[in-house]
Amino acid sequence: MERWVVAASECELRCQRYLLNLKEKIVEIQSLTISERILLAEALWDSVVAENADIPLSESQRDELDHRLSAFEIDQDEGDSWSEVKARVLSKR
């Protein structure tokens, strides 16, 4: 029994060190410029995509996607181009 207590304590200590290290990294990340944080976010996202992992959808997300696909199949409306959307947004400033 004593061996398990020691192992649990070591695990807890490792977890505390990990969390402290993570907090230090978060402080370091927050000190980056906005541009640097955006680049970091892009790199993180690219690393997620590169794993080709199946990211599970909630039932409501799946329902929304099904609804949008059905609407597209009915009217074939592809929406506006990026240049049209950008122009519309910029004209409202």
N, C-alpha and C. Protein backbone atom coordinates (compact mmCIF):
# COMPACT_ATOMS: atom_id res chain seq x y z
N MET A 1 0.83 -1.20 0.00
CA MET A 1 0.00 0.00 0.00
C MET A 1 0.87 1.25 0.00
N GLU A 2 1.95 1.22 0.74
CA GLU A 2 2.83 2.38 0.85
C GLU A 2 3.43 2.75 -0.52
N ARG A 3 3.75 1.71 -1.31
CA ARG A 3 4.31 1.94 -2.63
C ARG A 3 3.35 2.75 -3.51
N TRP A 4 2.05 2.48 -3.41
CA TRP A 4 1.05 3.19 -4.21
C TRP A 4 0.95 4.64 -3.78
N VAL A 5 1.09 4.89 -2.49
CA VAL A 5 1.03 6.26 -1.99
C VAL A 5 2.20 7.07 -2.54
N VAL A 6 3.39 6.46 -2.55
CA VAL A 6 4.58 7.13 -3.08
C VAL A 6 4.40 7.40 -4.58
N ALA A 7 3.90 6.42 -5.31
CA ALA A 7 3.69 6.58 -6.75
C ALA A 7 2.67 7.69 -7.02
N ALA A 8 1.61 7.74 -6.23
CA ALA A 8 0.59 8.78 -6.40
C ALA A 8 1.18 10.14 -6.10
N SER A 9 2.01 10.24 -5.09
CA SER A 9 2.64 11.52 -4.74
C SER A 9 3.58 11.98 -5.86
N GLU A 10 4.33 11.05 -6.44
CA GLU A 10 5.22 11.39 -7.55
C GLU A 10 4.43 11.87 -8.76
N CYS A 11 3.33 11.22 -9.02
CA CYS A 11 2.47 11.61 -10.14
C CYS A 11 1.91 13.01 -9.90
N GLU A 12 1.47 13.25 -8.68
CA GLU A 12 0.92 14.56 -8.33
C GLU A 12 1.99 15.64 -8.49
N LEU A 13 3.20 15.36 -8.07
CA LEU A 13 4.30 16.30 -8.20
C LEU A 13 4.60 16.59 -9.67
N ARG A 14 4.60 15.55 -10.51
CA ARG A 14 4.82 15.74 -11.95
C ARG A 14 3.72 16.59 -12.56
N CYS A 15 2.49 16.36 -12.14
CA CYS A 15 1.36 17.14 -12.65
C CYS A 15 1.49 18.61 -12.24
N GLN A 16 1.90 18.85 -11.00
CA GLN A 16 2.08 20.23 -10.54
C GLN A 16 3.18 20.93 -11.33
N ARG A 17 4.29 20.22 -11.58
CA ARG A 17 5.38 20.80 -12.38
C ARG A 17 4.90 21.11 -13.79
N TYR A 18 4.14 20.20 -14.36
CA TYR A 18 3.62 20.39 -15.72
C TYR A 18 2.73 21.64 -15.77
N LEU A 19 1.84 21.78 -14.78
CA LEU A 19 0.92 22.92 -14.77
C LEU A 19 1.68 24.24 -14.57
N LEU A 20 2.69 24.22 -13.73
CA LEU A 20 3.51 25.41 -13.52
C LEU A 20 4.22 25.79 -14.82
N ASN A 21 4.79 24.80 -15.48
CA ASN A 21 5.46 25.03 -16.76
C ASN A 21 4.47 25.59 -17.79
N LEU A 22 3.26 25.04 -17.80
CA LEU A 22 2.24 25.49 -18.74
C LEU A 22 1.86 26.94 -18.45
N LYS A 23 1.71 27.29 -17.17
CA LYS A 23 1.38 28.67 -16.81
C LYS A 23 2.48 29.63 -17.25
N GLU A 24 3.72 29.22 -17.11
CA GLU A 24 4.85 30.05 -17.55
C GLU A 24 4.80 30.25 -19.06
N LYS A 25 4.46 29.20 -19.78
CA LYS A 25 4.38 29.31 -21.24
C LYS A 25 3.24 30.23 -21.66
N ILE A 26 2.13 30.17 -20.93
CA ILE A 26 1.00 31.05 -21.24
C ILE A 26 1.39 32.50 -21.04
N VAL A 27 2.10 32.79 -19.95
CA VAL A 27 2.57 34.16 -19.72
C VAL A 27 3.49 34.60 -20.86
N GLU A 28 4.37 33.69 -21.28
CA GLU A 28 5.28 33.99 -22.39
C GLU A 28 4.50 34.25 -23.68
N ILE A 29 3.49 33.45 -23.93
CA ILE A 29 2.67 33.62 -25.14
C ILE A 29 1.94 34.96 -25.10
N GLN A 30 1.42 35.32 -23.92
CA GLN A 30 0.70 36.59 -23.80
C GLN A 30 1.60 37.79 -24.02
N SER A 31 2.90 37.60 -23.87
CA SER A 31 3.83 38.72 -24.09
C SER A 31 4.18 38.90 -25.57
N LEU A 32 3.77 37.96 -26.42
CA LEU A 32 4.02 38.08 -27.85
C LEU A 32 3.16 39.19 -28.44
N THR A 33 3.59 39.71 -29.57
CA THR A 33 2.76 40.69 -30.27
C THR A 33 1.54 39.99 -30.84
N ILE A 34 0.57 40.76 -31.24
CA ILE A 34 -0.63 40.18 -31.83
C ILE A 34 -0.27 39.37 -33.07
N SER A 35 0.60 39.91 -33.90
CA SER A 35 1.01 39.20 -35.11
C SER A 35 1.67 37.87 -34.78
N GLU A 36 2.52 37.87 -33.76
CA GLU A 36 3.20 36.62 -33.36
C GLU A 36 2.20 35.61 -32.81
N ARG A 37 1.20 36.09 -32.05
CA ARG A 37 0.19 35.17 -31.52
C ARG A 37 -0.67 34.59 -32.62
N ILE A 38 -0.95 35.40 -33.65
CA ILE A 38 -1.71 34.89 -34.80
C ILE A 38 -0.92 33.81 -35.51
N LEU A 39 0.38 34.06 -35.71
CA LEU A 39 1.22 33.05 -36.36
C LEU A 39 1.28 31.78 -35.52
N LEU A 40 1.35 31.92 -34.21
CA LEU A 40 1.35 30.75 -33.33
C LEU A 40 0.03 29.99 -33.44
N ALA A 41 -1.08 30.72 -33.47
CA ALA A 41 -2.39 30.08 -33.61
C ALA A 41 -2.49 29.32 -34.93
N GLU A 42 -1.97 29.91 -35.99
CA GLU A 42 -1.97 29.24 -37.29
C GLU A 42 -1.13 27.96 -37.23
N ALA A 43 0.03 28.06 -36.59
CA ALA A 43 0.90 26.88 -36.48
C ALA A 43 0.23 25.78 -35.66
N LEU A 44 -0.44 26.17 -34.59
CA LEU A 44 -1.16 25.18 -33.78
C LEU A 44 -2.27 24.51 -34.59
N TRP A 45 -3.03 25.33 -35.31
CA TRP A 45 -4.12 24.77 -36.11
C TRP A 45 -3.57 23.84 -37.19
N ASP A 46 -2.48 24.26 -37.84
CA ASP A 46 -1.87 23.41 -38.86
C ASP A 46 -1.42 22.07 -38.27
N SER A 47 -0.94 22.09 -37.02
CA SER A 47 -0.51 20.84 -36.39
C SER A 47 -1.70 19.93 -36.10
N VAL A 48 -2.85 20.52 -35.80
CA VAL A 48 -4.07 19.72 -35.57
C VAL A 48 -4.52 19.09 -36.89
N VAL A 49 -4.55 19.91 -37.94
CA VAL A 49 -4.98 19.43 -39.25
C VAL A 49 -4.04 18.34 -39.77
N ALA A 50 -2.74 18.50 -39.52
CA ALA A 50 -1.75 17.55 -40.03
C ALA A 50 -1.95 16.15 -39.45
N GLU A 51 -2.55 16.08 -38.28
CA GLU A 51 -2.78 14.76 -37.66
C GLU A 51 -3.93 14.01 -38.31
N ASN A 52 -4.71 14.70 -39.13
CA ASN A 52 -5.84 14.07 -39.80
C ASN A 52 -6.79 13.39 -38.82
N ALA A 53 -6.92 13.97 -37.64
CA ALA A 53 -7.77 13.38 -36.61
C ALA A 53 -9.24 13.69 -36.91
N ASP A 54 -10.08 12.74 -36.58
CA ASP A 54 -11.51 12.98 -36.68
C ASP A 54 -11.93 13.80 -35.47
N ILE A 55 -12.39 15.01 -35.73
CA ILE A 55 -12.86 15.86 -34.65
C ILE A 55 -14.36 15.66 -34.56
N PRO A 56 -14.82 15.11 -33.44
CA PRO A 56 -16.24 14.78 -33.35
C PRO A 56 -17.11 16.03 -33.32
N LEU A 57 -18.25 15.93 -33.98
CA LEU A 57 -19.23 17.00 -33.99
C LEU A 57 -20.32 16.69 -32.99
N SER A 58 -20.86 17.73 -32.38
CA SER A 58 -22.01 17.52 -31.51
C SER A 58 -23.23 17.26 -32.40
N GLU A 59 -24.28 16.80 -31.80
CA GLU A 59 -25.50 16.53 -32.57
C GLU A 59 -26.04 17.82 -33.19
N SER A 60 -25.99 18.92 -32.43
CA SER A 60 -26.50 20.19 -32.95
C SER A 60 -25.63 20.70 -34.11
N GLN A 61 -24.31 20.49 -34.04
CA GLN A 61 -23.44 20.88 -35.15
C GLN A 61 -23.74 20.05 -36.39
N ARG A 62 -23.94 18.76 -36.21
CA ARG A 62 -24.27 17.87 -37.32
C ARG A 62 -25.60 18.28 -37.95
N ASP A 63 -26.58 18.59 -37.10
CA ASP A 63 -27.89 19.02 -37.59
C ASP A 63 -27.78 20.30 -38.41
N GLU A 64 -26.95 21.25 -37.91
CA GLU A 64 -26.78 22.51 -38.63
C GLU A 64 -26.13 22.29 -39.98
N LEU A 65 -25.11 21.45 -40.03
CA LEU A 65 -24.46 21.15 -41.31
C LEU A 65 -25.43 20.47 -42.28
N ASP A 66 -26.23 19.55 -41.77
CA ASP A 66 -27.23 18.89 -42.62
C ASP A 66 -28.24 19.91 -43.15
N HIS A 67 -28.65 20.83 -42.29
CA HIS A 67 -29.61 21.87 -42.69
C HIS A 67 -29.01 22.75 -43.79
N ARG A 68 -27.75 23.17 -43.61
CA ARG A 68 -27.11 24.02 -44.61
C ARG A 68 -26.91 23.28 -45.94
N LEU A 69 -26.54 22.01 -45.87
CA LEU A 69 -26.37 21.23 -47.09
C LEU A 69 -27.69 21.07 -47.82
N SER A 70 -28.76 20.81 -47.09
CA SER A 70 -30.09 20.67 -47.70
C SER A 70 -30.50 21.97 -48.38
N ALA A 71 -30.26 23.11 -47.69
CA ALA A 71 -30.61 24.41 -48.26
C ALA A 71 -29.81 24.66 -49.54
N PHE A 72 -28.54 24.30 -49.54
CA PHE A 72 -27.71 24.49 -50.73
C PHE A 72 -28.19 23.61 -51.88
N GLU A 73 -28.54 22.36 -51.57
CA GLU A 73 -29.01 21.45 -52.61
C GLU A 73 -30.30 21.94 -53.25
N ILE A 74 -31.12 22.67 -52.50
CA ILE A 74 -32.38 23.18 -53.02
C ILE A 74 -32.15 24.40 -53.91
N ASP A 75 -31.40 25.41 -53.41
CA ASP A 75 -31.28 26.65 -54.18
C ASP A 75 -29.93 26.85 -54.88
N GLN A 76 -28.94 26.01 -54.61
CA GLN A 76 -27.62 26.08 -55.25
C GLN A 76 -26.94 27.45 -55.08
N ASP A 77 -27.35 28.20 -54.06
CA ASP A 77 -26.76 29.52 -53.80
C ASP A 77 -25.41 29.33 -53.12
N GLU A 78 -24.34 29.70 -53.82
CA GLU A 78 -23.00 29.53 -53.28
C GLU A 78 -22.58 30.68 -52.38
N GLY A 79 -23.44 31.66 -52.21
CA GLY A 79 -23.10 32.80 -51.37
C GLY A 79 -22.28 33.81 -52.15
N ASP A 80 -21.70 34.75 -51.42
CA ASP A 80 -20.92 35.82 -52.03
C ASP A 80 -19.44 35.47 -52.04
N SER A 81 -18.72 36.07 -52.98
CA SER A 81 -17.27 35.87 -53.02
C SER A 81 -16.62 36.66 -51.88
N TRP A 82 -15.39 36.32 -51.57
CA TRP A 82 -14.68 37.04 -50.51
C TRP A 82 -14.57 38.52 -50.85
N SER A 83 -14.30 38.87 -52.10
CA SER A 83 -14.16 40.28 -52.47
C SER A 83 -15.48 41.03 -52.26
N GLU A 84 -16.61 40.38 -52.53
CA GLU A 84 -17.92 41.02 -52.30
C GLU A 84 -18.17 41.22 -50.80
N VAL A 85 -17.87 40.21 -50.01
CA VAL A 85 -18.07 40.30 -48.56
C VAL A 85 -17.18 41.39 -47.98
N LYS A 86 -15.91 41.40 -48.39
CA LYS A 86 -14.95 42.38 -47.88
C LYS A 86 -15.41 43.79 -48.24
N ALA A 87 -15.83 43.99 -49.48
CA ALA A 87 -16.30 45.31 -49.91
C ALA A 87 -17.52 45.75 -49.10
N ARG A 88 -18.43 44.84 -48.84
CA ARG A 88 -19.64 45.15 -48.06
C ARG A 88 -19.27 45.55 -46.63
N VAL A 89 -18.36 44.81 -46.03
CA VAL A 89 -17.95 45.10 -44.65
C VAL A 89 -17.24 46.45 -44.58
N LEU A 90 -16.32 46.68 -45.53
CA LEU A 90 -15.55 47.92 -45.51
C LEU A 90 -16.44 49.14 -45.80
N SER A 91 -17.50 48.95 -46.57
CA SER A 91 -18.39 50.07 -46.89
C SER A 91 -19.23 50.50 -45.68
N LYS A 92 -19.34 49.64 -44.68
CA LYS A 92 -20.13 49.95 -43.49
C LYS A 92 -19.35 50.70 -42.42
N ARG A 93 -18.06 50.92 -42.67
CA ARG A 93 -17.23 51.62 -41.67
C ARG A 93 -17.46 53.09 -41.67
